[in-house]
Amino acid sequence: MKNNKYLKIIKIKPINFNLKSELEKEAILNSYKIFLKTCNFNFQILIQSNKEDLSNHFSQIINNLNQEEKNIQEISNKYINYIKELNNNKKSSSKNYYIIINYENKNNENIDIDSYATEDLNNKYFKIKDCLSRCGNTAIDILDKKQIIKIIFSFINTRIYFNNN
């Protein structure tokens, strides 16, 4: 980025905390506390909600309706309407979780900044990955520049939209 800033975006695959036992929940929370204490550098947590496209799901149901009895067709139609209502009310969405870490060269020394920044960001990434794996999460390094731009663009546009309304 500009001004000798470097970013790394890490996608986090979450666990379903609600399905865990009380003992597992306590262990996960303790691991998360360790994560927060261990990562003694700045990072941002980004959560993006996306409305689900359920058109394929609906078309499969509609295709199967022709073969069903009348009462099954009624139930299926009610189901489709219910899911559409949930989706329209944004109660049905997928969420993506990201951690954004950065490196900024404040010294402007004549060192190989690219390799130094890469090493710093990779060290932070592996620390995050290790700590979050203890919580049961998977951390994936986003390397595709198009995907990185898409994530950042989506985040910035969402913030602009909310600030203008």
N, C-alpha and C. Protein backbone atom coordinates (compact mmCIF):
# COMPACT_ATOMS: atom_id res chain seq x y z
N MET A 1 0.85 -1.17 0.00
CA MET A 1 0.00 0.00 0.00
C MET A 1 0.89 1.24 0.00
N LYS A 2 0.26 2.40 0.02
CA LYS A 2 1.02 3.65 0.04
C LYS A 2 1.74 3.82 1.37
N ASN A 3 2.72 4.66 1.38
CA ASN A 3 3.44 5.05 2.60
C ASN A 3 4.11 3.88 3.31
N ASN A 4 4.64 2.95 2.56
CA ASN A 4 5.34 1.80 3.14
C ASN A 4 4.51 0.99 4.11
N LYS A 5 3.22 0.87 3.83
CA LYS A 5 2.34 0.03 4.65
C LYS A 5 2.10 -1.28 3.92
N TYR A 6 2.08 -2.35 4.68
CA TYR A 6 1.83 -3.68 4.15
C TYR A 6 0.71 -4.30 4.96
N LEU A 7 -0.17 -5.02 4.27
CA LEU A 7 -1.29 -5.69 4.92
C LEU A 7 -1.25 -7.18 4.66
N LYS A 8 -1.78 -7.93 5.61
CA LYS A 8 -2.02 -9.35 5.41
C LYS A 8 -3.42 -9.60 5.94
N ILE A 9 -4.22 -10.30 5.15
CA ILE A 9 -5.58 -10.63 5.54
C ILE A 9 -5.66 -12.13 5.78
N ILE A 10 -6.21 -12.47 6.93
CA ILE A 10 -6.33 -13.87 7.33
C ILE A 10 -7.81 -14.18 7.48
N LYS A 11 -8.26 -15.20 6.76
CA LYS A 11 -9.65 -15.64 6.89
C LYS A 11 -9.73 -16.65 8.01
N ILE A 12 -10.71 -16.48 8.87
CA ILE A 12 -10.89 -17.37 10.01
C ILE A 12 -12.14 -18.21 9.78
N LYS A 13 -11.97 -19.51 9.87
CA LYS A 13 -13.12 -20.41 9.81
C LYS A 13 -13.54 -20.67 11.26
N PRO A 14 -14.71 -20.19 11.62
CA PRO A 14 -15.12 -20.26 13.03
C PRO A 14 -15.65 -21.64 13.42
N ILE A 15 -15.76 -21.82 14.71
CA ILE A 15 -16.40 -23.01 15.26
C ILE A 15 -17.80 -22.61 15.70
N ASN A 16 -18.67 -23.57 15.91
CA ASN A 16 -19.99 -23.27 16.44
C ASN A 16 -19.92 -23.39 17.96
N PHE A 17 -19.69 -22.27 18.59
CA PHE A 17 -19.49 -22.21 20.05
C PHE A 17 -20.72 -22.74 20.79
N ASN A 18 -21.91 -22.47 20.26
CA ASN A 18 -23.14 -22.87 20.94
C ASN A 18 -23.31 -24.38 21.02
N LEU A 19 -22.66 -25.12 20.15
CA LEU A 19 -22.78 -26.58 20.16
C LEU A 19 -21.79 -27.26 21.11
N LYS A 20 -20.94 -26.48 21.73
CA LYS A 20 -19.91 -27.04 22.60
C LYS A 20 -20.46 -27.25 24.01
N SER A 21 -19.85 -28.21 24.72
CA SER A 21 -20.22 -28.44 26.12
C SER A 21 -19.67 -27.30 26.97
N GLU A 22 -20.11 -27.21 28.21
CA GLU A 22 -19.65 -26.14 29.10
C GLU A 22 -18.14 -26.22 29.32
N LEU A 23 -17.62 -27.42 29.46
CA LEU A 23 -16.18 -27.60 29.65
C LEU A 23 -15.41 -27.15 28.41
N GLU A 24 -15.91 -27.51 27.22
CA GLU A 24 -15.27 -27.09 25.97
C GLU A 24 -15.33 -25.57 25.82
N LYS A 25 -16.47 -24.97 26.16
CA LYS A 25 -16.60 -23.52 26.07
C LYS A 25 -15.59 -22.81 26.96
N GLU A 26 -15.42 -23.33 28.17
CA GLU A 26 -14.46 -22.73 29.09
C GLU A 26 -13.03 -22.84 28.54
N ALA A 27 -12.70 -23.99 27.98
CA ALA A 27 -11.36 -24.18 27.38
C ALA A 27 -11.16 -23.24 26.20
N ILE A 28 -12.19 -23.06 25.37
CA ILE A 28 -12.10 -22.17 24.22
C ILE A 28 -11.90 -20.73 24.68
N LEU A 29 -12.65 -20.30 25.69
CA LEU A 29 -12.50 -18.93 26.20
C LEU A 29 -11.12 -18.70 26.80
N ASN A 30 -10.60 -19.69 27.50
CA ASN A 30 -9.24 -19.56 28.05
C ASN A 30 -8.21 -19.48 26.93
N SER A 31 -8.39 -20.27 25.88
CA SER A 31 -7.49 -20.21 24.74
C SER A 31 -7.58 -18.86 24.04
N TYR A 32 -8.78 -18.30 23.98
CA TYR A 32 -8.96 -16.98 23.35
C TYR A 32 -8.27 -15.90 24.18
N LYS A 33 -8.35 -16.00 25.49
CA LYS A 33 -7.65 -15.04 26.36
C LYS A 33 -6.15 -15.11 26.10
N ILE A 34 -5.63 -16.31 25.96
CA ILE A 34 -4.20 -16.48 25.67
C ILE A 34 -3.86 -15.86 24.32
N PHE A 35 -4.76 -16.05 23.34
CA PHE A 35 -4.57 -15.44 22.02
C PHE A 35 -4.44 -13.92 22.14
N LEU A 36 -5.34 -13.30 22.90
CA LEU A 36 -5.32 -11.84 23.04
C LEU A 36 -4.07 -11.36 23.77
N LYS A 37 -3.61 -12.13 24.75
CA LYS A 37 -2.40 -11.75 25.49
C LYS A 37 -1.13 -11.98 24.66
N THR A 38 -1.14 -13.04 23.86
CA THR A 38 0.04 -13.41 23.08
C THR A 38 0.26 -12.48 21.90
N CYS A 39 -0.79 -12.06 21.27
CA CYS A 39 -0.67 -11.20 20.08
C CYS A 39 -0.55 -9.75 20.54
N ASN A 40 0.67 -9.38 20.87
CA ASN A 40 0.94 -8.04 21.40
C ASN A 40 1.24 -7.05 20.27
N PHE A 41 0.42 -7.10 19.24
CA PHE A 41 0.53 -6.18 18.12
C PHE A 41 -0.89 -5.81 17.69
N ASN A 42 -0.99 -4.73 16.95
CA ASN A 42 -2.31 -4.27 16.50
C ASN A 42 -2.85 -5.17 15.41
N PHE A 43 -4.13 -5.45 15.49
CA PHE A 43 -4.82 -6.16 14.42
C PHE A 43 -6.29 -5.74 14.45
N GLN A 44 -6.94 -5.95 13.35
CA GLN A 44 -8.37 -5.65 13.24
C GLN A 44 -9.12 -6.93 12.96
N ILE A 45 -10.30 -7.03 13.56
CA ILE A 45 -11.19 -8.14 13.27
C ILE A 45 -12.31 -7.60 12.41
N LEU A 46 -12.51 -8.22 11.28
CA LEU A 46 -13.53 -7.80 10.32
C LEU A 46 -14.54 -8.92 10.16
N ILE A 47 -15.81 -8.59 10.33
CA ILE A 47 -16.90 -9.55 10.13
C ILE A 47 -17.78 -9.01 9.02
N GLN A 48 -17.95 -9.80 7.98
CA GLN A 48 -18.80 -9.40 6.87
C GLN A 48 -19.99 -10.34 6.79
N SER A 49 -21.18 -9.75 6.76
CA SER A 49 -22.40 -10.53 6.58
C SER A 49 -22.85 -10.41 5.14
N ASN A 50 -23.20 -11.53 4.56
CA ASN A 50 -23.67 -11.55 3.18
C ASN A 50 -25.02 -12.24 3.11
N LYS A 51 -25.95 -11.58 2.45
CA LYS A 51 -27.25 -12.19 2.26
C LYS A 51 -27.11 -13.40 1.35
N GLU A 52 -27.75 -14.48 1.73
CA GLU A 52 -27.65 -15.72 0.98
C GLU A 52 -28.47 -15.68 -0.30
N ASP A 53 -27.92 -16.26 -1.36
CA ASP A 53 -28.65 -16.46 -2.61
C ASP A 53 -29.24 -17.87 -2.55
N LEU A 54 -30.53 -17.95 -2.33
CA LEU A 54 -31.19 -19.24 -2.16
C LEU A 54 -31.98 -19.66 -3.39
N SER A 55 -31.75 -19.02 -4.51
CA SER A 55 -32.53 -19.31 -5.71
C SER A 55 -32.36 -20.76 -6.17
N ASN A 56 -31.14 -21.30 -6.10
CA ASN A 56 -30.94 -22.71 -6.49
C ASN A 56 -31.70 -23.66 -5.57
N HIS A 57 -31.69 -23.35 -4.29
CA HIS A 57 -32.41 -24.16 -3.32
C HIS A 57 -33.91 -24.16 -3.62
N PHE A 58 -34.44 -22.97 -3.90
CA PHE A 58 -35.87 -22.86 -4.21
C PHE A 58 -36.23 -23.59 -5.50
N SER A 59 -35.36 -23.47 -6.50
CA SER A 59 -35.67 -24.12 -7.79
C SER A 59 -35.67 -25.65 -7.65
N GLN A 60 -34.79 -26.18 -6.81
CA GLN A 60 -34.78 -27.63 -6.57
C GLN A 60 -36.09 -28.07 -5.91
N ILE A 61 -36.55 -27.30 -4.95
CA ILE A 61 -37.81 -27.63 -4.28
C ILE A 61 -38.97 -27.57 -5.27
N ILE A 62 -39.00 -26.53 -6.07
CA ILE A 62 -40.09 -26.36 -7.04
C ILE A 62 -40.07 -27.48 -8.08
N ASN A 63 -38.88 -27.89 -8.51
CA ASN A 63 -38.78 -29.00 -9.47
C ASN A 63 -39.31 -30.29 -8.87
N ASN A 64 -39.09 -30.51 -7.60
CA ASN A 64 -39.57 -31.73 -6.95
C ASN A 64 -41.05 -31.66 -6.58
N LEU A 65 -41.62 -30.47 -6.59
CA LEU A 65 -43.03 -30.31 -6.21
C LEU A 65 -43.98 -31.01 -7.17
N ASN A 66 -43.63 -31.02 -8.42
CA ASN A 66 -44.52 -31.62 -9.41
C ASN A 66 -44.76 -33.10 -9.16
N GLN A 67 -43.79 -33.73 -8.49
CA GLN A 67 -43.89 -35.18 -8.27
C GLN A 67 -44.54 -35.50 -6.93
N GLU A 68 -44.84 -34.50 -6.14
CA GLU A 68 -45.35 -34.74 -4.79
C GLU A 68 -46.88 -34.64 -4.73
N GLU A 69 -47.40 -35.14 -3.63
CA GLU A 69 -48.84 -35.06 -3.39
C GLU A 69 -49.22 -33.62 -3.05
N LYS A 70 -50.51 -33.35 -3.08
CA LYS A 70 -51.02 -32.00 -2.88
C LYS A 70 -50.62 -31.43 -1.51
N ASN A 71 -50.76 -32.22 -0.42
CA ASN A 71 -50.44 -31.69 0.90
C ASN A 71 -48.93 -31.44 1.05
N ILE A 72 -48.09 -32.23 0.40
CA ILE A 72 -46.64 -31.99 0.42
C ILE A 72 -46.32 -30.71 -0.35
N GLN A 73 -47.04 -30.46 -1.44
CA GLN A 73 -46.84 -29.24 -2.21
C GLN A 73 -47.17 -28.02 -1.36
N GLU A 74 -48.24 -28.09 -0.58
CA GLU A 74 -48.62 -26.98 0.30
C GLU A 74 -47.53 -26.70 1.33
N ILE A 75 -47.07 -27.77 1.95
CA ILE A 75 -46.01 -27.63 2.97
C ILE A 75 -44.75 -27.03 2.34
N SER A 76 -44.40 -27.50 1.16
CA SER A 76 -43.21 -27.00 0.47
C SER A 76 -43.36 -25.52 0.13
N ASN A 77 -44.53 -25.13 -0.33
CA ASN A 77 -44.76 -23.71 -0.65
C ASN A 77 -44.67 -22.84 0.60
N LYS A 78 -45.21 -23.33 1.71
CA LYS A 78 -45.11 -22.58 2.97
C LYS A 78 -43.65 -22.46 3.41
N TYR A 79 -42.90 -23.55 3.23
CA TYR A 79 -41.48 -23.55 3.56
C TYR A 79 -40.73 -22.50 2.73
N ILE A 80 -40.99 -22.48 1.44
CA ILE A 80 -40.32 -21.52 0.55
C ILE A 80 -40.65 -20.10 0.98
N ASN A 81 -41.91 -19.82 1.27
CA ASN A 81 -42.31 -18.48 1.69
C ASN A 81 -41.65 -18.09 3.01
N TYR A 82 -41.56 -19.04 3.93
CA TYR A 82 -40.92 -18.79 5.23
C TYR A 82 -39.44 -18.45 5.05
N ILE A 83 -38.75 -19.24 4.25
CA ILE A 83 -37.32 -19.00 4.02
C ILE A 83 -37.10 -17.67 3.30
N LYS A 84 -37.95 -17.36 2.33
CA LYS A 84 -37.84 -16.07 1.63
C LYS A 84 -38.01 -14.91 2.60
N GLU A 85 -38.97 -15.05 3.51
CA GLU A 85 -39.20 -13.99 4.50
C GLU A 85 -37.99 -13.83 5.42
N LEU A 86 -37.44 -14.94 5.87
CA LEU A 86 -36.23 -14.88 6.71
C LEU A 86 -35.09 -14.20 5.96
N ASN A 87 -34.92 -14.58 4.74
CA ASN A 87 -33.83 -14.03 3.93
C ASN A 87 -34.04 -12.54 3.66
N ASN A 88 -35.26 -12.15 3.39
CA ASN A 88 -35.55 -10.74 3.14
C ASN A 88 -35.35 -9.89 4.39
N ASN A 89 -35.59 -10.47 5.55
CA ASN A 89 -35.41 -9.75 6.81
C ASN A 89 -33.97 -9.84 7.31
N LYS A 90 -33.07 -10.35 6.49
CA LYS A 90 -31.65 -10.49 6.80
C LYS A 90 -31.39 -11.36 8.02
N LYS A 91 -32.29 -12.27 8.30
CA LYS A 91 -32.05 -13.20 9.39
C LYS A 91 -31.32 -14.43 8.89
N SER A 92 -31.15 -14.50 7.60
CA SER A 92 -30.45 -15.62 6.99
C SER A 92 -29.28 -15.04 6.22
N SER A 93 -28.11 -15.20 6.75
CA SER A 93 -26.94 -14.69 6.06
C SER A 93 -25.73 -15.54 6.41
N SER A 94 -24.75 -15.43 5.57
CA SER A 94 -23.49 -16.09 5.89
C SER A 94 -22.55 -15.01 6.40
N LYS A 95 -21.64 -15.41 7.22
CA LYS A 95 -20.68 -14.47 7.78
C LYS A 95 -19.27 -14.94 7.45
N ASN A 96 -18.45 -13.99 7.10
CA ASN A 96 -17.03 -14.24 6.89
C ASN A 96 -16.27 -13.47 7.95
N TYR A 97 -15.27 -14.11 8.51
CA TYR A 97 -14.47 -13.52 9.57
C TYR A 97 -13.04 -13.37 9.09
N TYR A 98 -12.49 -12.19 9.30
CA TYR A 98 -11.12 -11.91 8.87
C TYR A 98 -10.36 -11.21 9.99
N ILE A 99 -9.07 -11.43 10.01
CA ILE A 99 -8.17 -10.65 10.85
C ILE A 99 -7.20 -9.96 9.90
N ILE A 100 -7.06 -8.66 10.09
CA ILE A 100 -6.17 -7.87 9.24
C ILE A 100 -5.00 -7.41 10.10
N ILE A 101 -3.80 -7.74 9.65
CA ILE A 101 -2.60 -7.29 10.33
C ILE A 101 -1.82 -6.41 9.37
N ASN A 102 -1.01 -5.54 9.93
CA ASN A 102 -0.26 -4.64 9.05
C ASN A 102 1.17 -4.47 9.53
N TYR A 103 1.96 -3.96 8.64
CA TYR A 103 3.33 -3.57 8.94
C TYR A 103 3.54 -2.21 8.31
N GLU A 104 4.11 -1.31 9.08
CA GLU A 104 4.37 0.04 8.58
C GLU A 104 5.82 0.37 8.87
N ASN A 105 6.55 0.75 7.84
CA ASN A 105 7.95 1.15 8.01
C ASN A 105 7.99 2.61 8.41
N LYS A 106 8.19 2.84 9.69
CA LYS A 106 8.22 4.22 10.20
C LYS A 106 9.63 4.79 10.17
N ASN A 107 10.64 3.92 10.10
CA ASN A 107 12.02 4.39 10.14
C ASN A 107 12.52 4.87 8.78
N ASN A 108 11.91 4.37 7.71
CA ASN A 108 12.33 4.70 6.34
C ASN A 108 13.82 4.45 6.12
N GLU A 109 14.33 3.41 6.76
CA GLU A 109 15.73 3.06 6.58
C GLU A 109 15.91 2.36 5.24
N ASN A 110 17.14 2.29 4.81
CA ASN A 110 17.44 1.66 3.52
C ASN A 110 17.64 0.15 3.69
N ILE A 111 16.69 -0.51 4.25
CA ILE A 111 16.74 -1.96 4.37
C ILE A 111 15.83 -2.55 3.29
N ASP A 112 15.95 -3.84 3.09
CA ASP A 112 15.08 -4.51 2.14
C ASP A 112 13.69 -4.60 2.77
N ILE A 113 12.92 -3.54 2.57
CA ILE A 113 11.64 -3.39 3.27
C ILE A 113 10.65 -4.49 2.91
N ASP A 114 10.65 -4.91 1.65
CA ASP A 114 9.71 -5.96 1.24
C ASP A 114 9.93 -7.26 2.01
N SER A 115 11.17 -7.68 2.10
CA SER A 115 11.44 -8.94 2.80
C SER A 115 11.24 -8.79 4.30
N TYR A 116 11.60 -7.64 4.86
CA TYR A 116 11.41 -7.41 6.29
C TYR A 116 9.92 -7.38 6.64
N ALA A 117 9.12 -6.68 5.82
CA ALA A 117 7.67 -6.61 6.05
C ALA A 117 7.04 -7.99 5.91
N THR A 118 7.46 -8.73 4.90
CA THR A 118 6.93 -10.07 4.68
C THR A 118 7.23 -10.97 5.87
N GLU A 119 8.45 -10.90 6.36
CA GLU A 119 8.84 -11.72 7.52
C GLU A 119 8.03 -11.33 8.75
N ASP A 120 7.87 -10.04 8.99
CA ASP A 120 7.10 -9.57 10.14
C ASP A 120 5.64 -10.02 10.06
N LEU A 121 5.03 -9.85 8.90
CA LEU A 121 3.63 -10.25 8.73
C LEU A 121 3.46 -11.76 8.84
N ASN A 122 4.40 -12.51 8.30
CA ASN A 122 4.32 -13.97 8.40
C ASN A 122 4.47 -14.44 9.84
N ASN A 123 5.36 -13.80 10.60
CA ASN A 123 5.50 -14.15 12.02
C ASN A 123 4.20 -13.90 12.78
N LYS A 124 3.57 -12.76 12.50
CA LYS A 124 2.29 -12.44 13.14
C LYS A 124 1.22 -13.44 12.72
N TYR A 125 1.20 -13.78 11.44
CA TYR A 125 0.23 -14.74 10.93
C TYR A 125 0.36 -16.09 11.63
N PHE A 126 1.58 -16.60 11.74
CA PHE A 126 1.77 -17.90 12.37
C PHE A 126 1.43 -17.87 13.85
N LYS A 127 1.66 -16.74 14.50
CA LYS A 127 1.28 -16.61 15.90
C LYS A 127 -0.24 -16.65 16.04
N ILE A 128 -0.95 -15.92 15.17
CA ILE A 128 -2.42 -15.92 15.18
C ILE A 128 -2.95 -17.31 14.86
N LYS A 129 -2.39 -17.93 13.83
CA LYS A 129 -2.83 -19.26 13.41
C LYS A 129 -2.67 -20.27 14.55
N ASP A 130 -1.53 -20.23 15.20
CA ASP A 130 -1.26 -21.16 16.30
C ASP A 130 -2.24 -20.93 17.46
N CYS A 131 -2.41 -19.68 17.84
CA CYS A 131 -3.29 -19.38 18.98
C CYS A 131 -4.75 -19.72 18.68
N LEU A 132 -5.21 -19.38 17.49
CA LEU A 132 -6.62 -19.65 17.17
C LEU A 132 -6.88 -21.13 16.93
N SER A 133 -5.87 -21.87 16.52
CA SER A 133 -6.08 -23.31 16.35
C SER A 133 -6.35 -23.97 17.70
N ARG A 134 -5.80 -23.40 18.77
CA ARG A 134 -6.08 -23.91 20.12
C ARG A 134 -7.54 -23.67 20.51
N CYS A 135 -8.16 -22.69 19.88
CA CYS A 135 -9.58 -22.41 20.13
C CYS A 135 -10.47 -23.28 19.23
N GLY A 136 -9.86 -23.97 18.27
CA GLY A 136 -10.62 -24.80 17.35
C GLY A 136 -10.86 -24.14 16.00
N ASN A 137 -10.36 -22.92 15.82
CA ASN A 137 -10.55 -22.20 14.57
C ASN A 137 -9.43 -22.52 13.59
N THR A 138 -9.73 -22.32 12.32
CA THR A 138 -8.73 -22.48 11.27
C THR A 138 -8.44 -21.11 10.69
N ALA A 139 -7.17 -20.80 10.53
CA ALA A 139 -6.75 -19.53 9.94
C ALA A 139 -6.15 -19.79 8.57
N ILE A 140 -6.64 -19.05 7.58
CA ILE A 140 -6.19 -19.24 6.20
C ILE A 140 -5.63 -17.91 5.69
N ASP A 141 -4.41 -17.96 5.21
CA ASP A 141 -3.76 -16.78 4.66
C ASP A 141 -4.35 -16.48 3.29
N ILE A 142 -4.88 -15.29 3.11
CA ILE A 142 -5.43 -14.88 1.81
C ILE A 142 -4.26 -14.36 0.98
N LEU A 143 -3.95 -15.04 -0.11
CA LEU A 143 -2.80 -14.66 -0.94
C LEU A 143 -3.21 -14.06 -2.27
N ASP A 144 -4.43 -14.33 -2.72
CA ASP A 144 -4.91 -13.85 -4.01
C ASP A 144 -5.21 -12.36 -3.93
N LYS A 145 -4.48 -11.56 -4.71
CA LYS A 145 -4.63 -10.10 -4.65
C LYS A 145 -6.04 -9.65 -5.02
N LYS A 146 -6.67 -10.33 -5.97
CA LYS A 146 -8.03 -9.96 -6.35
C LYS A 146 -8.99 -10.16 -5.18
N GLN A 147 -8.81 -11.25 -4.46
CA GLN A 147 -9.66 -11.53 -3.31
C GLN A 147 -9.40 -10.50 -2.20
N ILE A 148 -8.16 -10.12 -1.99
CA ILE A 148 -7.81 -9.11 -0.99
C ILE A 148 -8.48 -7.78 -1.33
N ILE A 149 -8.38 -7.39 -2.59
CA ILE A 149 -8.99 -6.13 -3.03
C ILE A 149 -10.50 -6.19 -2.85
N LYS A 150 -11.10 -7.32 -3.17
CA LYS A 150 -12.55 -7.49 -3.02
C LYS A 150 -12.96 -7.35 -1.55
N ILE A 151 -12.21 -7.95 -0.64
CA ILE A 151 -12.51 -7.87 0.80
C ILE A 151 -12.40 -6.43 1.29
N ILE A 152 -11.31 -5.77 0.94
CA ILE A 152 -11.10 -4.39 1.38
C ILE A 152 -12.14 -3.47 0.77
N PHE A 153 -12.41 -3.63 -0.52
CA PHE A 153 -13.41 -2.81 -1.20
C PHE A 153 -14.78 -2.97 -0.55
N SER A 154 -15.15 -4.20 -0.26
CA SER A 154 -16.44 -4.48 0.38
C SER A 154 -16.51 -3.83 1.76
N PHE A 155 -15.43 -3.93 2.51
CA PHE A 155 -15.38 -3.34 3.85
C PHE A 155 -15.51 -1.82 3.79
N ILE A 156 -14.75 -1.20 2.90
CA ILE A 156 -14.78 0.26 2.79
C ILE A 156 -16.14 0.74 2.32
N ASN A 157 -16.72 0.09 1.32
CA ASN A 157 -18.03 0.51 0.82
C ASN A 157 -19.12 0.34 1.87
N THR A 158 -19.05 -0.70 2.69
CA THR A 158 -20.02 -0.88 3.76
C THR A 158 -19.93 0.24 4.77
N ARG A 159 -18.71 0.62 5.13
CA ARG A 159 -18.51 1.71 6.09
C ARG A 159 -19.02 3.03 5.52
N ILE A 160 -18.75 3.29 4.24
CA ILE A 160 -19.23 4.52 3.61
C ILE A 160 -20.75 4.54 3.59
N TYR A 161 -21.36 3.39 3.24
CA TYR A 161 -22.82 3.30 3.20
C TYR A 161 -23.43 3.61 4.56
N PHE A 162 -22.88 3.01 5.62
CA PHE A 162 -23.44 3.22 6.96
C PHE A 162 -23.20 4.63 7.47
N ASN A 163 -22.10 5.24 7.10
CA ASN A 163 -21.81 6.61 7.53
C ASN A 163 -22.68 7.63 6.83
N ASN A 164 -23.15 7.31 5.62
CA ASN A 164 -23.98 8.24 4.87
C ASN A 164 -25.46 8.10 5.18
N ASN A 165 -25.88 7.06 5.87
CA ASN A 165 -27.29 6.85 6.19
C ASN A 165 -27.58 7.14 7.64
